[in-house]
Amino acid sequence: MEPFIIGTTYNLTTSFGIKILGDHIFICGGSSGTLFHFSLSSKKLIHRFHNYLSSDATFLNHLAIEHETGDILIVDSTDPTVWKVKGVQLGNSTIDRPLEAYLDLTDKVVYEAGLNGNGMAFLPRGQYIVL
């Protein structure tokens, strides 16, 4: 067996939430604050989406993909924010792109020291739940 990719080539030093959609694999990069997007067939990096927070202020660890729109929501276990990548952005050729702060959970969920939110799923009609 050989590695799919050598992550350090792309600054992917840890891997958490991973989802596959067609020929695409999306990987949460934990405290890097980065969502990595690779082609499964070519093994090439397509995008890196960044929240630009310091490594002690973020921990991206889970994602959910809305299959109709291709929108991706990402749970941050340190910062009370749900991040978003719009499906239409996946066709853009720029590799390094910002994550959109989609939902501020500050008034909805109490985040304590350490890791917090750790899951998400889409429900019918585009609704979602964060755990």
N, C-alpha and C. Protein backbone atom coordinates (compact mmCIF):
# COMPACT_ATOMS: atom_id res chain seq x y z
N MET A 1 0.84 -1.16 0.00
CA MET A 1 0.00 0.00 0.00
C MET A 1 0.89 1.24 0.00
N GLU A 2 0.49 2.23 -0.79
CA GLU A 2 1.24 3.48 -0.81
C GLU A 2 0.31 4.62 -0.39
N PRO A 3 0.89 5.69 0.14
CA PRO A 3 0.06 6.82 0.60
C PRO A 3 -0.69 7.45 -0.57
N PHE A 4 -1.88 7.95 -0.28
CA PHE A 4 -2.66 8.69 -1.29
C PHE A 4 -1.91 9.96 -1.68
N ILE A 5 -1.52 10.73 -0.68
CA ILE A 5 -0.71 11.93 -0.89
C ILE A 5 0.26 12.04 0.28
N ILE A 6 1.30 12.78 0.08
CA ILE A 6 2.20 13.14 1.18
C ILE A 6 1.72 14.50 1.65
N GLY A 7 1.00 14.51 2.77
CA GLY A 7 0.31 15.71 3.24
C GLY A 7 1.20 16.89 3.49
N THR A 8 2.40 16.66 3.98
CA THR A 8 3.27 17.80 4.29
C THR A 8 3.62 18.61 3.05
N THR A 9 3.47 18.01 1.87
CA THR A 9 3.69 18.73 0.62
C THR A 9 2.74 19.92 0.52
N TYR A 10 1.56 19.77 1.07
CA TYR A 10 0.52 20.82 0.98
C TYR A 10 0.24 21.47 2.33
N ASN A 11 1.10 21.27 3.30
CA ASN A 11 0.91 21.76 4.67
C ASN A 11 -0.28 21.07 5.35
N LEU A 12 -0.58 19.86 4.92
CA LEU A 12 -1.61 19.04 5.55
C LEU A 12 -0.90 18.12 6.54
N THR A 13 -0.82 18.57 7.78
CA THR A 13 -0.05 17.82 8.78
C THR A 13 -0.93 16.93 9.64
N THR A 14 -2.23 17.23 9.72
CA THR A 14 -3.18 16.37 10.43
C THR A 14 -4.47 16.32 9.62
N SER A 15 -5.17 15.20 9.70
CA SER A 15 -6.42 15.01 8.95
C SER A 15 -7.52 14.60 9.91
N PHE A 16 -8.65 15.27 9.80
CA PHE A 16 -9.79 14.93 10.65
C PHE A 16 -10.98 14.61 9.76
N GLY A 17 -12.06 15.38 9.82
CA GLY A 17 -13.23 15.07 9.02
C GLY A 17 -12.88 14.91 7.55
N ILE A 18 -13.29 13.79 6.96
CA ILE A 18 -13.00 13.50 5.56
C ILE A 18 -14.29 13.08 4.87
N LYS A 19 -14.57 13.66 3.70
CA LYS A 19 -15.74 13.30 2.91
C LYS A 19 -15.31 13.17 1.45
N ILE A 20 -15.96 12.24 0.77
CA ILE A 20 -15.73 12.04 -0.66
C ILE A 20 -17.02 12.35 -1.40
N LEU A 21 -16.90 13.10 -2.49
CA LEU A 21 -18.02 13.41 -3.36
C LEU A 21 -17.53 13.27 -4.79
N GLY A 22 -17.97 12.21 -5.46
CA GLY A 22 -17.51 11.96 -6.82
C GLY A 22 -16.01 11.74 -6.84
N ASP A 23 -15.31 12.52 -7.65
CA ASP A 23 -13.85 12.41 -7.78
C ASP A 23 -13.12 13.35 -6.81
N HIS A 24 -13.82 13.85 -5.81
CA HIS A 24 -13.25 14.84 -4.91
C HIS A 24 -13.20 14.32 -3.48
N ILE A 25 -12.10 14.65 -2.79
CA ILE A 25 -11.99 14.34 -1.37
C ILE A 25 -11.72 15.65 -0.63
N PHE A 26 -12.45 15.86 0.47
CA PHE A 26 -12.34 17.06 1.29
C PHE A 26 -11.84 16.63 2.66
N ILE A 27 -10.84 17.33 3.19
CA ILE A 27 -10.20 16.95 4.44
C ILE A 27 -10.08 18.17 5.35
N CYS A 28 -10.60 18.04 6.57
CA CYS A 28 -10.44 19.09 7.57
C CYS A 28 -9.04 19.00 8.16
N GLY A 29 -8.38 20.13 8.25
CA GLY A 29 -6.99 20.16 8.71
C GLY A 29 -6.80 20.57 10.16
N GLY A 30 -7.81 20.38 11.01
CA GLY A 30 -7.64 20.65 12.44
C GLY A 30 -7.21 22.07 12.74
N SER A 31 -6.13 22.21 13.50
CA SER A 31 -5.69 23.53 13.98
C SER A 31 -5.04 24.39 12.88
N SER A 32 -4.90 23.86 11.68
CA SER A 32 -4.40 24.70 10.58
C SER A 32 -5.49 25.67 10.11
N GLY A 33 -6.76 25.39 10.46
CA GLY A 33 -7.87 26.24 10.01
C GLY A 33 -8.10 26.14 8.52
N THR A 34 -7.75 24.99 7.94
CA THR A 34 -7.80 24.82 6.49
C THR A 34 -8.64 23.61 6.11
N LEU A 35 -9.46 23.77 5.06
CA LEU A 35 -10.15 22.66 4.42
C LEU A 35 -9.41 22.38 3.12
N PHE A 36 -8.94 21.15 2.97
CA PHE A 36 -8.19 20.74 1.78
C PHE A 36 -9.12 20.03 0.81
N HIS A 37 -8.93 20.28 -0.48
CA HIS A 37 -9.75 19.69 -1.54
C HIS A 37 -8.82 19.10 -2.59
N PHE A 38 -8.89 17.77 -2.76
CA PHE A 38 -8.04 17.06 -3.71
C PHE A 38 -8.89 16.33 -4.74
N SER A 39 -8.30 16.07 -5.89
CA SER A 39 -8.88 15.17 -6.88
C SER A 39 -8.44 13.75 -6.53
N LEU A 40 -9.38 12.84 -6.47
CA LEU A 40 -9.02 11.45 -6.18
C LEU A 40 -8.25 10.81 -7.33
N SER A 41 -8.64 11.11 -8.56
CA SER A 41 -8.00 10.46 -9.70
C SER A 41 -6.58 10.98 -9.97
N SER A 42 -6.38 12.29 -9.84
CA SER A 42 -5.05 12.85 -10.14
C SER A 42 -4.18 13.01 -8.89
N LYS A 43 -4.80 12.95 -7.71
CA LYS A 43 -4.12 13.17 -6.43
C LYS A 43 -3.56 14.59 -6.31
N LYS A 44 -4.11 15.52 -7.09
CA LYS A 44 -3.63 16.90 -7.06
C LYS A 44 -4.50 17.76 -6.14
N LEU A 45 -3.84 18.73 -5.49
CA LEU A 45 -4.54 19.70 -4.68
C LEU A 45 -5.33 20.61 -5.61
N ILE A 46 -6.62 20.78 -5.31
CA ILE A 46 -7.47 21.68 -6.10
C ILE A 46 -7.65 23.00 -5.36
N HIS A 47 -7.96 22.93 -4.07
CA HIS A 47 -8.16 24.14 -3.26
C HIS A 47 -7.67 23.90 -1.84
N ARG A 48 -7.32 25.01 -1.20
CA ARG A 48 -7.15 25.09 0.26
C ARG A 48 -7.99 26.29 0.69
N PHE A 49 -9.00 26.03 1.52
CA PHE A 49 -9.85 27.08 2.05
C PHE A 49 -9.41 27.36 3.48
N HIS A 50 -9.10 28.62 3.80
CA HIS A 50 -8.52 29.00 5.08
C HIS A 50 -9.47 29.91 5.88
N ASN A 51 -9.47 29.74 7.21
CA ASN A 51 -10.18 30.72 8.04
C ASN A 51 -9.21 31.75 8.61
N TYR A 52 -7.92 31.57 8.45
CA TYR A 52 -6.87 32.52 8.85
C TYR A 52 -6.84 32.80 10.35
N LEU A 53 -7.33 31.87 11.18
CA LEU A 53 -7.21 32.01 12.63
C LEU A 53 -5.92 31.34 13.08
N SER A 54 -5.40 31.77 14.23
CA SER A 54 -4.19 31.14 14.75
C SER A 54 -4.49 29.70 15.17
N SER A 55 -3.47 28.87 15.22
CA SER A 55 -3.66 27.45 15.49
C SER A 55 -4.23 27.17 16.88
N ASP A 56 -4.12 28.10 17.81
CA ASP A 56 -4.72 27.89 19.13
C ASP A 56 -6.16 28.40 19.19
N ALA A 57 -6.67 28.98 18.10
CA ALA A 57 -8.01 29.55 18.08
C ALA A 57 -8.98 28.82 17.16
N THR A 58 -8.53 27.74 16.53
CA THR A 58 -9.39 27.03 15.59
C THR A 58 -9.07 25.54 15.60
N PHE A 59 -10.06 24.73 15.24
CA PHE A 59 -9.84 23.30 15.06
C PHE A 59 -10.97 22.76 14.18
N LEU A 60 -10.71 22.71 12.87
CA LEU A 60 -11.70 22.22 11.92
C LEU A 60 -11.67 20.69 11.95
N ASN A 61 -12.81 20.09 12.32
CA ASN A 61 -12.75 18.63 12.48
C ASN A 61 -13.90 17.86 11.86
N HIS A 62 -14.89 18.51 11.30
CA HIS A 62 -15.97 17.76 10.69
C HIS A 62 -16.60 18.61 9.60
N LEU A 63 -17.12 17.95 8.57
CA LEU A 63 -17.79 18.67 7.50
C LEU A 63 -18.98 17.88 7.00
N ALA A 64 -19.89 18.60 6.37
CA ALA A 64 -21.04 17.98 5.73
C ALA A 64 -21.21 18.64 4.37
N ILE A 65 -21.59 17.84 3.38
CA ILE A 65 -21.77 18.35 2.03
C ILE A 65 -23.24 18.26 1.66
N GLU A 66 -23.81 19.36 1.21
CA GLU A 66 -25.18 19.39 0.73
C GLU A 66 -25.14 18.95 -0.72
N HIS A 67 -25.67 17.79 -1.02
CA HIS A 67 -25.46 17.17 -2.33
C HIS A 67 -26.13 17.91 -3.48
N GLU A 68 -27.22 18.63 -3.24
CA GLU A 68 -27.88 19.35 -4.34
C GLU A 68 -27.09 20.58 -4.77
N THR A 69 -26.53 21.33 -3.82
CA THR A 69 -25.83 22.57 -4.14
C THR A 69 -24.31 22.41 -4.15
N GLY A 70 -23.81 21.37 -3.48
CA GLY A 70 -22.38 21.19 -3.32
C GLY A 70 -21.80 22.06 -2.22
N ASP A 71 -22.67 22.80 -1.50
CA ASP A 71 -22.19 23.62 -0.39
C ASP A 71 -21.60 22.73 0.70
N ILE A 72 -20.53 23.20 1.33
CA ILE A 72 -19.86 22.45 2.39
C ILE A 72 -19.90 23.29 3.66
N LEU A 73 -20.37 22.70 4.75
CA LEU A 73 -20.33 23.35 6.06
C LEU A 73 -19.29 22.64 6.90
N ILE A 74 -18.50 23.41 7.65
CA ILE A 74 -17.39 22.87 8.43
C ILE A 74 -17.55 23.28 9.89
N VAL A 75 -17.46 22.30 10.79
CA VAL A 75 -17.56 22.56 12.22
C VAL A 75 -16.18 22.91 12.76
N ASP A 76 -16.13 23.98 13.55
CA ASP A 76 -14.91 24.37 14.25
C ASP A 76 -15.10 24.03 15.72
N SER A 77 -14.26 23.18 16.26
CA SER A 77 -14.42 22.72 17.64
C SER A 77 -13.81 23.66 18.67
N THR A 78 -13.11 24.68 18.24
CA THR A 78 -12.51 25.65 19.16
C THR A 78 -13.19 27.01 19.04
N ASP A 79 -13.45 27.45 17.84
CA ASP A 79 -14.10 28.73 17.58
C ASP A 79 -15.58 28.47 17.32
N PRO A 80 -16.50 29.18 17.98
CA PRO A 80 -17.93 28.91 17.81
C PRO A 80 -18.48 29.43 16.47
N THR A 81 -17.92 28.91 15.40
CA THR A 81 -18.31 29.33 14.05
C THR A 81 -18.51 28.09 13.19
N VAL A 82 -19.56 28.11 12.36
CA VAL A 82 -19.70 27.14 11.29
C VAL A 82 -19.22 27.85 10.04
N TRP A 83 -18.25 27.26 9.38
CA TRP A 83 -17.64 27.84 8.18
C TRP A 83 -18.30 27.24 6.95
N LYS A 84 -18.24 27.96 5.83
CA LYS A 84 -18.91 27.50 4.62
C LYS A 84 -18.04 27.70 3.38
N VAL A 85 -18.14 26.74 2.48
CA VAL A 85 -17.63 26.86 1.12
C VAL A 85 -18.83 26.68 0.22
N LYS A 86 -19.13 27.65 -0.61
CA LYS A 86 -20.25 27.52 -1.55
C LYS A 86 -19.84 26.59 -2.67
N GLY A 87 -20.76 25.74 -3.07
CA GLY A 87 -20.48 24.78 -4.13
C GLY A 87 -19.96 25.42 -5.40
N VAL A 88 -20.45 26.61 -5.72
CA VAL A 88 -20.00 27.29 -6.94
C VAL A 88 -18.52 27.67 -6.87
N GLN A 89 -17.95 27.79 -5.65
CA GLN A 89 -16.53 28.13 -5.51
C GLN A 89 -15.63 26.97 -5.95
N LEU A 90 -16.15 25.76 -5.98
CA LEU A 90 -15.33 24.60 -6.29
C LEU A 90 -14.87 24.60 -7.74
N GLY A 91 -15.52 25.39 -8.59
CA GLY A 91 -15.10 25.50 -9.98
C GLY A 91 -14.07 26.57 -10.21
N ASN A 92 -13.74 27.35 -9.20
CA ASN A 92 -12.76 28.42 -9.31
C ASN A 92 -11.35 27.83 -9.35
N SER A 93 -10.49 28.37 -10.18
CA SER A 93 -9.14 27.81 -10.32
C SER A 93 -8.14 28.33 -9.29
N THR A 94 -8.52 29.33 -8.48
CA THR A 94 -7.60 29.85 -7.46
C THR A 94 -7.48 28.81 -6.35
N ILE A 95 -6.27 28.39 -6.04
CA ILE A 95 -6.07 27.32 -5.05
C ILE A 95 -6.36 27.80 -3.64
N ASP A 96 -5.73 28.88 -3.18
CA ASP A 96 -5.91 29.36 -1.81
C ASP A 96 -7.04 30.38 -1.76
N ARG A 97 -8.06 30.04 -0.96
CA ARG A 97 -9.26 30.86 -0.87
C ARG A 97 -9.71 30.97 0.58
N PRO A 98 -10.43 32.03 0.95
CA PRO A 98 -10.91 32.15 2.33
C PRO A 98 -12.16 31.32 2.57
N LEU A 99 -12.29 30.81 3.80
CA LEU A 99 -13.55 30.22 4.24
C LEU A 99 -14.50 31.35 4.60
N GLU A 100 -15.79 31.15 4.39
CA GLU A 100 -16.81 32.12 4.78
C GLU A 100 -17.31 31.76 6.18
N ALA A 101 -17.33 32.76 7.08
CA ALA A 101 -17.94 32.56 8.40
C ALA A 101 -19.45 32.56 8.17
N TYR A 102 -20.05 31.39 8.23
CA TYR A 102 -21.45 31.22 7.84
C TYR A 102 -22.41 31.40 9.01
N LEU A 103 -22.08 30.84 10.16
CA LEU A 103 -22.99 30.88 11.30
C LEU A 103 -22.19 31.08 12.58
N ASP A 104 -22.50 32.14 13.31
CA ASP A 104 -21.88 32.41 14.60
C ASP A 104 -22.69 31.71 15.68
N LEU A 105 -22.07 30.77 16.38
CA LEU A 105 -22.76 29.99 17.41
C LEU A 105 -22.63 30.58 18.81
N THR A 106 -22.01 31.75 18.92
CA THR A 106 -21.72 32.33 20.23
C THR A 106 -22.95 32.40 21.13
N ASP A 107 -24.08 32.84 20.62
CA ASP A 107 -25.30 32.97 21.42
C ASP A 107 -26.16 31.70 21.42
N LYS A 108 -25.72 30.66 20.73
CA LYS A 108 -26.53 29.45 20.60
C LYS A 108 -25.94 28.25 21.34
N VAL A 109 -24.61 28.22 21.46
CA VAL A 109 -23.92 27.09 22.07
C VAL A 109 -22.82 27.62 22.98
N VAL A 110 -22.68 27.03 24.14
CA VAL A 110 -21.61 27.44 25.06
C VAL A 110 -20.36 26.64 24.71
N TYR A 111 -19.34 27.33 24.23
CA TYR A 111 -18.06 26.71 23.96
C TYR A 111 -17.18 26.86 25.20
N GLU A 112 -16.59 25.78 25.66
CA GLU A 112 -15.71 25.80 26.81
C GLU A 112 -14.28 25.57 26.34
N ALA A 113 -13.33 25.64 27.26
CA ALA A 113 -11.93 25.38 26.91
C ALA A 113 -11.81 23.97 26.34
N GLY A 114 -10.94 23.79 25.36
CA GLY A 114 -10.77 22.48 24.73
C GLY A 114 -11.65 22.36 23.50
N LEU A 115 -11.91 21.12 23.09
CA LEU A 115 -12.70 20.87 21.89
C LEU A 115 -14.18 20.81 22.21
N ASN A 116 -14.99 21.32 21.31
CA ASN A 116 -16.44 21.40 21.51
C ASN A 116 -17.17 20.72 20.36
N GLY A 117 -17.93 21.48 19.56
CA GLY A 117 -18.72 20.91 18.46
C GLY A 117 -17.92 19.91 17.64
N ASN A 118 -18.56 18.76 17.34
CA ASN A 118 -17.80 17.70 16.68
C ASN A 118 -18.65 16.89 15.72
N GLY A 119 -19.56 17.53 15.02
CA GLY A 119 -20.33 16.78 14.05
C GLY A 119 -21.39 17.64 13.40
N MET A 120 -21.82 17.21 12.22
CA MET A 120 -22.86 17.92 11.50
C MET A 120 -23.46 16.99 10.48
N ALA A 121 -24.74 17.16 10.23
CA ALA A 121 -25.40 16.39 9.18
C ALA A 121 -26.45 17.27 8.52
N PHE A 122 -26.66 17.09 7.24
CA PHE A 122 -27.73 17.78 6.55
C PHE A 122 -29.00 16.97 6.70
N LEU A 123 -30.11 17.66 6.84
CA LEU A 123 -31.43 17.06 6.93
C LEU A 123 -32.18 17.39 5.65
N PRO A 124 -33.35 16.82 5.44
CA PRO A 124 -34.12 17.17 4.25
C PRO A 124 -34.38 18.67 4.16
N ARG A 125 -34.56 19.17 2.96
CA ARG A 125 -34.87 20.58 2.67
C ARG A 125 -33.74 21.52 3.04
N GLY A 126 -32.50 21.07 3.03
CA GLY A 126 -31.37 21.97 3.25
C GLY A 126 -31.13 22.36 4.70
N GLN A 127 -31.88 21.79 5.63
CA GLN A 127 -31.63 22.07 7.03
C GLN A 127 -30.44 21.26 7.50
N TYR A 128 -29.84 21.64 8.62
CA TYR A 128 -28.70 20.91 9.14
C TYR A 128 -28.74 20.93 10.65
N ILE A 129 -27.97 20.05 11.23
CA ILE A 129 -27.85 19.99 12.68
C ILE A 129 -26.37 19.91 13.03
N VAL A 130 -25.97 20.67 14.04
CA VAL A 130 -24.59 20.66 14.53
C VAL A 130 -24.59 19.99 15.88
N LEU A 131 -23.66 19.07 16.10
CA LEU A 131 -23.56 18.36 17.37
C LEU A 131 -22.30 18.74 18.09
